[in-house]
Protein backbone atom coordinates (compact mmCIF):
# COMPACT_ATOMS: atom_id res chain seq x y z
CA MET A 1 10.31 21.47 10.44
CA ASN A 2 8.88 23.86 7.99
CA PHE A 3 6.18 23.30 5.42
CA LYS A 4 4.69 25.02 2.89
CA ILE A 5 1.23 25.24 3.31
CA TYR A 6 -1.06 25.90 0.49
CA SER A 7 -4.65 27.16 0.47
CA PRO A 8 -7.64 25.73 0.07
CA ASP A 9 -7.68 26.37 -4.34
CA GLY A 10 -3.80 26.03 -4.27
CA THR A 11 -3.04 29.19 -5.66
CA THR A 12 -0.83 31.15 -2.67
CA SER A 13 1.04 29.42 0.05
CA ARG A 14 2.37 30.55 3.33
CA GLU A 15 5.79 28.61 5.25
CA ALA A 16 4.76 27.25 9.07
CA GLU A 17 7.15 25.39 10.99
CA PHE A 18 5.79 21.28 12.49
CA THR A 19 7.79 19.69 15.33
CA ILE A 20 7.91 15.89 13.35
CA PRO A 21 9.85 13.43 15.08
CA ALA A 22 13.42 13.34 14.14
CA PHE A 23 15.84 10.17 13.62
CA GLU A 24 19.70 10.42 12.82
CA GLY A 25 21.79 7.54 10.95
CA ASP A 26 19.89 4.30 9.66
CA LYS A 27 17.23 4.20 13.48
CA GLY A 28 13.96 2.50 11.95
CA VAL A 29 15.02 1.94 8.49
CA GLN A 30 14.59 -1.89 8.87
CA ALA A 31 11.35 -1.53 10.52
CA VAL A 32 10.18 0.28 8.26
CA LYS A 33 11.07 -2.58 5.59
CA GLU A 34 9.46 -5.26 7.69
CA VAL A 35 6.22 -3.50 8.26
CA VAL A 36 6.13 -2.86 4.80
CA VAL A 37 6.54 -6.49 3.88
CA ALA A 38 3.88 -7.41 6.21
CA HIS A 39 1.31 -5.07 4.80
CA GLN A 40 1.95 -6.54 1.78
CA ALA A 41 1.77 -10.15 2.86
CA ASN A 42 -1.35 -9.53 5.10
CA ALA A 43 -2.69 -8.48 1.76
CA ARG A 44 -2.38 -11.94 -0.24
CA LEU A 45 -5.43 -13.85 0.05
CA GLY A 46 -3.46 -16.90 -0.49
CA THR A 47 -6.19 -19.44 -2.04
CA HIS A 48 -3.78 -20.65 -4.95
CA SER A 49 -4.64 -23.85 -5.53
CA THR A 50 -2.97 -26.66 -8.14
CA LYS A 51 -4.09 -30.26 -8.20
CA LYS A 52 -1.53 -32.96 -7.55
CA ARG A 53 -1.23 -36.30 -9.55
CA GLY A 54 -3.81 -37.80 -7.37
CA GLU A 55 -6.33 -34.92 -7.07
CA VAL A 56 -7.13 -34.98 -10.79
CA ARG A 57 -9.90 -36.17 -12.52
CA GLY A 58 -9.39 -39.33 -14.33
CA GLY A 59 -6.49 -42.05 -15.60
CA GLY A 60 -7.68 -44.62 -14.36
CA LYS A 61 -7.00 -46.98 -16.88
CA LYS A 62 -3.51 -47.72 -18.17
CA PRO A 63 -3.04 -45.88 -21.86
CA TRP A 64 -1.38 -48.85 -23.30
CA ARG A 65 0.36 -52.14 -22.81
CA GLN A 66 3.72 -52.12 -21.03
CA LYS A 67 6.04 -53.99 -23.41
CA GLY A 68 5.52 -54.36 -27.70
CA THR A 69 3.61 -50.88 -28.66
CA GLY A 70 7.70 -49.29 -28.97
CA ARG A 71 6.65 -46.23 -27.26
CA ALA A 72 7.84 -45.38 -23.03
CA ARG A 73 5.92 -46.95 -20.28
CA ALA A 74 2.88 -44.75 -19.33
CA GLY A 75 0.75 -46.21 -16.21
CA SER A 76 -1.47 -42.56 -16.63
CA ILE A 77 -2.58 -40.14 -18.21
CA ARG A 78 -2.50 -37.54 -15.27
CA SER A 79 1.11 -38.05 -14.93
CA PRO A 80 3.12 -34.78 -14.52
CA LEU A 81 4.26 -35.03 -17.64
CA TRP A 82 1.10 -35.41 -19.84
CA PRO A 83 -0.80 -32.08 -20.74
CA GLY A 84 -3.54 -32.15 -18.06
CA GLY A 85 -1.55 -34.01 -15.78
CA GLY A 86 -0.91 -33.33 -11.88
CA VAL A 87 0.96 -30.29 -11.12
CA VAL A 88 4.54 -31.23 -9.02
CA PHE A 89 5.06 -29.42 -6.13
CA GLY A 90 1.94 -26.63 -7.07
CA PRO A 91 0.93 -24.08 -5.38
CA LYS A 92 -1.60 -24.46 -2.52
CA PRO A 93 -3.56 -22.33 -0.02
CA ARG A 94 -1.41 -20.71 2.62
CA ASP A 95 -1.76 -18.35 5.12
CA TYR A 96 0.96 -15.42 4.37
CA THR A 97 0.25 -13.46 7.45
CA LYS A 98 2.88 -11.73 9.03
CA LYS A 99 3.17 -10.88 12.58
CA ILE A 100 4.43 -7.53 13.74
CA ASN A 101 5.72 -5.92 17.50
CA ALA A 102 3.52 -2.66 18.22
CA LYS A 103 6.76 -0.88 19.19
CA VAL A 104 8.33 -1.60 15.95
CA LYS A 105 4.95 -0.73 13.38
CA ALA A 106 4.79 2.75 15.80
CA LEU A 107 8.76 3.09 14.62
CA ALA A 108 8.57 2.39 11.47
CA PHE A 109 5.20 4.63 10.80
CA SER A 110 7.80 7.90 12.99
CA ARG A 111 10.71 6.86 10.26
CA ALA A 112 8.64 6.88 7.53
CA LEU A 113 6.78 10.15 8.08
CA PHE A 114 10.21 11.79 8.78
CA ASP A 115 12.16 10.59 5.52
CA ARG A 116 9.23 11.63 3.35
CA ALA A 117 9.04 15.04 4.68
CA THR A 118 13.00 15.38 4.68
CA ALA A 119 12.86 14.43 0.75
CA GLY A 120 10.11 17.37 0.16
CA ASP A 121 7.46 14.55 -0.45
CA ILE A 122 4.79 15.99 1.64
CA ASP A 123 2.64 19.11 1.01
CA VAL A 124 0.36 20.38 3.26
CA ILE A 125 -3.50 22.18 2.37
CA GLU A 126 -5.11 24.79 4.68
CA ASN A 127 -7.73 22.44 4.37
CA PHE A 128 -10.05 20.48 1.31
CA GLU A 129 -12.58 22.66 0.82
CA VAL A 130 -13.36 23.47 -2.65
CA ASN A 131 -16.24 25.58 -4.00
CA PRO A 132 -17.67 24.09 -5.89
CA VAL A 133 -16.98 20.61 -4.95
CA LYS A 134 -16.33 18.60 -7.95
CA THR A 135 -14.20 16.66 -9.87
CA LYS A 136 -12.55 19.46 -12.01
CA VAL A 137 -12.12 21.95 -9.32
CA ILE A 138 -10.46 19.18 -7.39
CA CYS A 139 -7.95 18.16 -10.43
CA GLN A 140 -7.49 21.62 -10.60
CA VAL A 141 -6.37 22.38 -7.41
CA LEU A 142 -3.95 19.31 -6.55
CA THR A 143 -2.79 19.83 -9.94
CA ARG A 144 -1.21 23.28 -9.17
CA ILE A 145 0.09 21.17 -5.87
CA ALA A 146 1.23 17.68 -7.67
CA PRO A 147 0.64 18.24 -11.35
CA LYS A 148 2.09 14.83 -11.80
CA GLY A 149 2.35 11.08 -10.26
CA LYS A 150 -0.09 9.50 -7.67
CA VAL A 151 -1.31 11.00 -5.02
CA LEU A 152 -2.29 10.31 -1.59
CA LEU A 153 -5.07 12.94 -0.19
CA VAL A 154 -4.90 13.00 3.79
CA ASP A 155 -8.07 14.49 5.78
CA ASP A 156 -9.43 14.37 9.23
CA PRO A 157 -11.96 13.16 7.85
CA PHE A 158 -13.01 13.74 4.08
CA ALA A 159 -16.15 15.55 3.78
CA PRO A 160 -18.72 13.10 1.78
CA GLU A 161 -19.25 15.73 -0.87
CA MET A 162 -15.09 15.72 -0.67
CA ARG A 163 -15.09 11.91 -0.75
CA ARG A 164 -17.48 11.58 -3.99
CA ALA A 165 -15.73 14.38 -5.75
CA ALA A 166 -12.30 12.95 -5.23
CA ARG A 167 -12.97 9.19 -5.97
CA ASN A 168 -13.05 9.77 -9.90
CA LEU A 169 -9.66 11.05 -10.29
CA LYS A 170 -7.63 8.12 -11.50
CA ARG A 171 -4.30 9.06 -9.61
CA ILE A 172 -5.89 10.04 -6.38
CA THR A 173 -6.53 7.68 -2.85
CA MET A 174 -7.73 9.08 0.19
CA GLN A 175 -6.62 8.60 3.13
CA GLU A 176 -8.17 9.33 6.80
CA ALA A 177 -5.62 10.33 9.28
CA ILE A 178 -6.06 7.86 11.84
CA LYS A 179 -5.90 5.26 9.37
CA LEU A 180 -2.77 6.16 8.17
CA ASN A 181 -0.29 3.44 8.00
CA THR A 182 3.32 3.01 6.88
CA LEU A 183 2.91 2.08 3.24
CA ASP A 184 0.59 4.37 2.63
CA LEU A 185 3.51 6.70 3.35
CA CYS A 186 6.02 4.86 1.41
CA ARG A 187 3.68 3.77 -2.02
CA TYR A 188 2.77 7.68 -3.31
CA GLY A 189 5.03 9.82 -5.23
CA ARG A 190 3.66 12.88 -3.78
CA ILE A 191 1.31 13.06 0.05
CA VAL A 192 -1.08 16.22 0.26
CA VAL A 193 -2.12 16.71 3.91
CA SER A 194 -4.38 19.10 5.18
CA THR A 195 -3.38 20.45 8.62
CA LYS A 196 -5.76 19.36 10.91
CA ALA A 197 -4.80 15.96 9.56
CA LEU A 198 -0.87 16.59 10.07
CA ASP A 199 -1.20 17.48 13.26
CA LYS A 200 -2.57 14.40 14.23
CA ILE A 201 -0.03 12.25 11.98
CA ILE A 202 2.46 14.34 14.19
CA ALA A 203 0.60 12.96 17.38
CA ARG A 204 0.55 9.99 16.89
CA ALA A 205 4.32 9.62 15.22
CA SER A 206 5.50 11.92 18.44
CA ALA A 207 3.78 9.40 20.81
CA ALA A 208 5.33 6.05 19.35
CA ASN A 209 8.79 8.21 19.00
CA GLY A 210 8.02 8.51 23.50
CA GLY A 211 7.35 12.22 23.06
CA ASN A 212 10.65 13.48 21.30
């Protein structure tokens, strides 16, 4: 598969071929869905909590007598029918963790990489060695390559100076090649990856796909 490789300043480009594991039909699509859902579920803290009727403070005394007042019967001011009362079937702390088989994760990663590359959503840059390493300069480079939307930068690894300069850009997210996952490949409009990082990503995908 051919990629357009940009110079570090984003002004010039050339074509180069990279071998990305290919897929036919819908193979791996369901795996991508399962892995993305698992990533999102595992990120949930599950700390939400409400109080049941028996956990709300107060309400031990009957508000008024049972009969003779003309009002409806009431046994406690902490009834779910009353403001400030308990919550019926409210959320309680729980674990949302989903476990995904390692082979499914690997298949999903390879499929997501193939789909984004086929759609032309992956841009390759020789490296992120801009000069000078300043937020303004990095913004100019990325504007030339991916002018709009959320952008994921992938390197192996990022230089500390580059990380400090790019983290101030709101639309930019940085990820190391070794930590890149299926959710990262799916959630950003554009992905800008260095040639070094792309080689490592393709090696991961090829190993997961049996070297094909």
